[in-house]
N, C-alpha and C. Protein backbone atom coordinates (compact mmCIF):
# COMPACT_ATOMS: atom_id res chain seq x y z
N MET A 1 -77.65 -19.12 -86.95
CA MET A 1 -76.68 -19.00 -88.09
C MET A 1 -76.83 -20.44 -88.49
N LYS A 2 -76.95 -20.86 -89.73
CA LYS A 2 -77.09 -22.43 -90.01
C LYS A 2 -75.87 -22.14 -90.91
N ASN A 3 -75.43 -23.68 -91.10
CA ASN A 3 -73.75 -23.85 -91.65
C ASN A 3 -74.13 -25.46 -92.53
N ARG A 4 -73.11 -25.50 -93.49
CA ARG A 4 -72.84 -26.44 -93.95
C ARG A 4 -71.82 -27.53 -93.82
N ILE A 5 -71.07 -27.33 -92.76
CA ILE A 5 -69.88 -27.98 -92.48
C ILE A 5 -70.05 -29.33 -92.48
N GLU A 6 -71.09 -30.14 -91.63
CA GLU A 6 -71.19 -31.68 -91.99
C GLU A 6 -71.29 -31.80 -93.36
N GLU A 7 -72.29 -31.53 -93.76
CA GLU A 7 -72.23 -31.83 -95.58
C GLU A 7 -71.17 -31.76 -96.24
N ILE A 8 -70.28 -31.08 -96.02
CA ILE A 8 -68.77 -30.33 -96.67
C ILE A 8 -67.98 -31.38 -96.39
N ARG A 9 -68.02 -31.76 -94.97
CA ARG A 9 -67.17 -32.36 -94.21
C ARG A 9 -67.08 -33.90 -95.27
N ASN A 10 -68.53 -34.34 -95.06
CA ASN A 10 -68.93 -35.56 -95.65
C ASN A 10 -68.55 -35.88 -96.95
N GLU A 11 -68.69 -34.70 -97.73
CA GLU A 11 -68.26 -35.04 -99.25
C GLU A 11 -66.86 -34.83 -99.00
N LYS A 12 -66.17 -34.39 -98.25
CA LYS A 12 -64.59 -34.61 -98.79
C LYS A 12 -63.80 -35.71 -97.72
N GLY A 13 -64.77 -36.64 -97.07
CA GLY A 13 -64.47 -37.76 -96.32
C GLY A 13 -63.82 -37.29 -95.19
N ILE A 14 -64.15 -36.07 -94.46
CA ILE A 14 -63.15 -35.72 -93.40
C ILE A 14 -64.05 -36.06 -91.95
N ARG A 15 -63.28 -36.33 -91.01
CA ARG A 15 -63.88 -37.24 -89.71
C ARG A 15 -64.12 -35.58 -88.87
N GLN A 16 -65.01 -35.64 -88.26
CA GLN A 16 -65.04 -34.47 -87.10
C GLN A 16 -63.87 -34.06 -86.44
N GLU A 17 -63.21 -35.50 -85.68
CA GLU A 17 -61.99 -35.19 -85.12
C GLU A 17 -60.80 -34.68 -85.95
N GLU A 18 -60.51 -34.79 -87.26
CA GLU A 18 -59.80 -34.57 -88.00
C GLU A 18 -59.85 -32.76 -88.08
N LEU A 19 -61.18 -32.53 -88.43
CA LEU A 19 -61.19 -31.11 -88.72
C LEU A 19 -61.26 -30.17 -87.33
N ALA A 20 -61.26 -30.89 -86.10
CA ALA A 20 -61.07 -30.11 -84.86
C ALA A 20 -59.84 -30.13 -84.75
N LYS A 21 -58.65 -31.34 -84.98
CA LYS A 21 -57.74 -30.97 -84.88
C LYS A 21 -56.88 -29.49 -85.65
N GLN A 22 -57.21 -29.70 -87.18
CA GLN A 22 -57.04 -28.84 -87.93
C GLN A 22 -57.22 -27.28 -87.82
N MET A 23 -58.48 -27.15 -86.86
CA MET A 23 -58.70 -25.91 -86.37
C MET A 23 -58.35 -25.44 -85.22
N GLY A 24 -57.87 -26.52 -84.28
CA GLY A 24 -57.42 -26.07 -82.70
C GLY A 24 -58.35 -26.35 -81.73
N VAL A 25 -59.57 -26.78 -82.58
CA VAL A 25 -60.80 -27.05 -81.19
C VAL A 25 -60.87 -28.06 -81.06
N SER A 26 -61.98 -28.53 -79.98
CA SER A 26 -62.46 -29.95 -79.62
C SER A 26 -63.39 -30.48 -80.80
N ARG A 27 -63.36 -31.83 -80.83
CA ARG A 27 -64.57 -32.62 -81.60
C ARG A 27 -66.18 -32.09 -81.04
N GLN A 28 -66.04 -31.75 -79.94
CA GLN A 28 -67.38 -31.39 -79.32
C GLN A 28 -67.68 -29.82 -79.99
N THR A 29 -66.78 -29.47 -80.31
CA THR A 29 -66.70 -27.75 -80.75
C THR A 29 -67.43 -28.11 -82.25
N ILE A 30 -67.11 -28.96 -82.89
CA ILE A 30 -67.19 -28.80 -84.02
C ILE A 30 -68.61 -29.65 -84.33
N SER A 31 -69.00 -30.94 -83.47
CA SER A 31 -70.18 -31.21 -83.13
C SER A 31 -71.50 -30.02 -82.86
N SER A 32 -70.95 -29.23 -82.18
CA SER A 32 -72.03 -28.15 -81.77
C SER A 32 -72.07 -27.29 -82.87
N LEU A 33 -71.21 -27.30 -83.71
CA LEU A 33 -71.24 -26.02 -84.83
C LEU A 33 -72.09 -26.78 -85.52
N GLU A 34 -72.20 -27.85 -86.09
CA GLU A 34 -72.60 -28.89 -87.24
C GLU A 34 -74.32 -28.71 -86.31
N ASN A 35 -74.30 -29.13 -84.94
CA ASN A 35 -75.65 -28.81 -84.51
C ASN A 35 -76.45 -27.44 -84.51
N GLY A 36 -75.87 -26.67 -84.89
CA GLY A 36 -76.58 -25.21 -84.68
C GLY A 36 -76.58 -24.59 -83.06
N ARG A 37 -75.70 -25.62 -81.98
CA ARG A 37 -75.97 -25.05 -80.90
C ARG A 37 -74.53 -24.17 -80.70
N TYR A 38 -73.93 -23.57 -81.64
CA TYR A 38 -72.94 -22.89 -81.34
C TYR A 38 -72.20 -22.14 -82.78
N ASN A 39 -72.38 -20.48 -82.41
CA ASN A 39 -71.95 -19.80 -83.48
C ASN A 39 -70.32 -19.96 -83.45
N PRO A 40 -69.67 -19.82 -84.37
CA PRO A 40 -68.26 -19.64 -84.17
C PRO A 40 -67.65 -18.44 -84.36
N SER A 41 -66.36 -17.78 -83.79
CA SER A 41 -65.84 -16.41 -83.81
C SER A 41 -65.70 -16.27 -85.41
N ILE A 42 -65.46 -15.10 -85.74
CA ILE A 42 -65.56 -15.00 -86.99
C ILE A 42 -63.86 -15.60 -87.81
N LEU A 43 -63.04 -15.50 -86.66
CA LEU A 43 -61.75 -15.90 -86.92
C LEU A 43 -61.90 -17.58 -87.34
N LEU A 44 -62.69 -18.65 -86.24
CA LEU A 44 -62.88 -19.65 -86.67
C LEU A 44 -63.79 -19.88 -88.09
N ALA A 45 -64.80 -19.10 -88.33
CA ALA A 45 -65.34 -19.41 -89.57
C ALA A 45 -64.50 -18.90 -90.81
N HIS A 46 -63.74 -18.21 -90.65
CA HIS A 46 -62.52 -18.03 -91.74
C HIS A 46 -61.73 -19.25 -91.94
N LYS A 47 -61.06 -19.69 -90.89
CA LYS A 47 -60.19 -20.93 -90.97
C LYS A 47 -60.91 -22.39 -91.34
N ILE A 48 -62.34 -22.34 -91.16
CA ILE A 48 -62.94 -23.30 -91.64
C ILE A 48 -63.27 -23.39 -93.10
N ALA A 49 -63.75 -22.22 -93.23
CA ALA A 49 -63.78 -21.54 -94.84
C ALA A 49 -62.74 -21.95 -95.60
N GLN A 50 -61.62 -21.24 -95.38
CA GLN A 50 -60.08 -21.72 -96.13
C GLN A 50 -59.78 -23.12 -96.02
N PHE A 51 -60.17 -23.68 -94.92
CA PHE A 51 -59.60 -25.33 -94.97
C PHE A 51 -60.44 -26.01 -95.81
N PHE A 52 -61.63 -25.67 -96.17
CA PHE A 52 -62.51 -26.46 -97.49
C PHE A 52 -62.39 -25.23 -98.50
N GLU A 53 -61.41 -24.43 -98.61
CA GLU A 53 -61.23 -23.89 -100.17
C GLU A 53 -62.44 -23.31 -100.41
N MET A 54 -63.23 -22.63 -99.54
CA MET A 54 -64.58 -21.88 -100.01
C MET A 54 -64.66 -20.52 -99.31
N THR A 55 -65.73 -19.96 -99.61
CA THR A 55 -65.79 -18.68 -98.88
C THR A 55 -66.92 -18.74 -97.78
N ILE A 56 -66.57 -17.79 -96.60
CA ILE A 56 -67.49 -17.88 -95.39
C ILE A 56 -69.13 -18.05 -96.08
N GLU A 57 -69.25 -17.37 -97.05
CA GLU A 57 -70.58 -17.46 -97.35
C GLU A 57 -71.41 -18.96 -97.80
N GLU A 58 -70.30 -19.47 -98.54
CA GLU A 58 -70.53 -20.89 -98.90
C GLU A 58 -70.68 -22.01 -97.92
N VAL A 59 -70.12 -21.73 -96.62
CA VAL A 59 -70.08 -22.33 -95.57
C VAL A 59 -71.16 -22.08 -94.85
N PHE A 60 -71.26 -20.83 -94.07
CA PHE A 60 -72.15 -20.66 -93.25
C PHE A 60 -73.24 -19.68 -93.71
N LEU A 61 -74.68 -19.72 -93.53
CA LEU A 61 -75.91 -19.27 -94.13
C LEU A 61 -76.43 -18.37 -93.08
N PHE A 62 -76.33 -17.16 -93.77
CA PHE A 62 -76.58 -15.95 -92.80
C PHE A 62 -78.23 -15.93 -93.22
N GLU A 63 -79.03 -15.83 -92.24
CA GLU A 63 -80.55 -15.75 -92.40
C GLU A 63 -80.81 -14.31 -91.42
N GLU A 64 -81.47 -13.63 -91.66
CA GLU A 64 -81.88 -12.42 -91.27
C GLU A 64 -83.62 -12.98 -90.77
N GLU A 65 -83.76 -12.62 -89.78
CA GLU A 65 -85.12 -12.93 -88.86
C GLU A 65 -86.05 -11.78 -89.13
């Protein structure tokens, strides 16, 4: 699953550390999400989308193989 976290975060001027703190996760988790090495739980995906005031589908790109 791909996502737009880095793009959206940069548009809003938010550092990885700040997003991580708001989400209650490590900066490494945010980095792993952005690089596609980690798929979030539905709860974390929801929290990230809410933080950005977007829908999950606007942040996370679901691709069928």
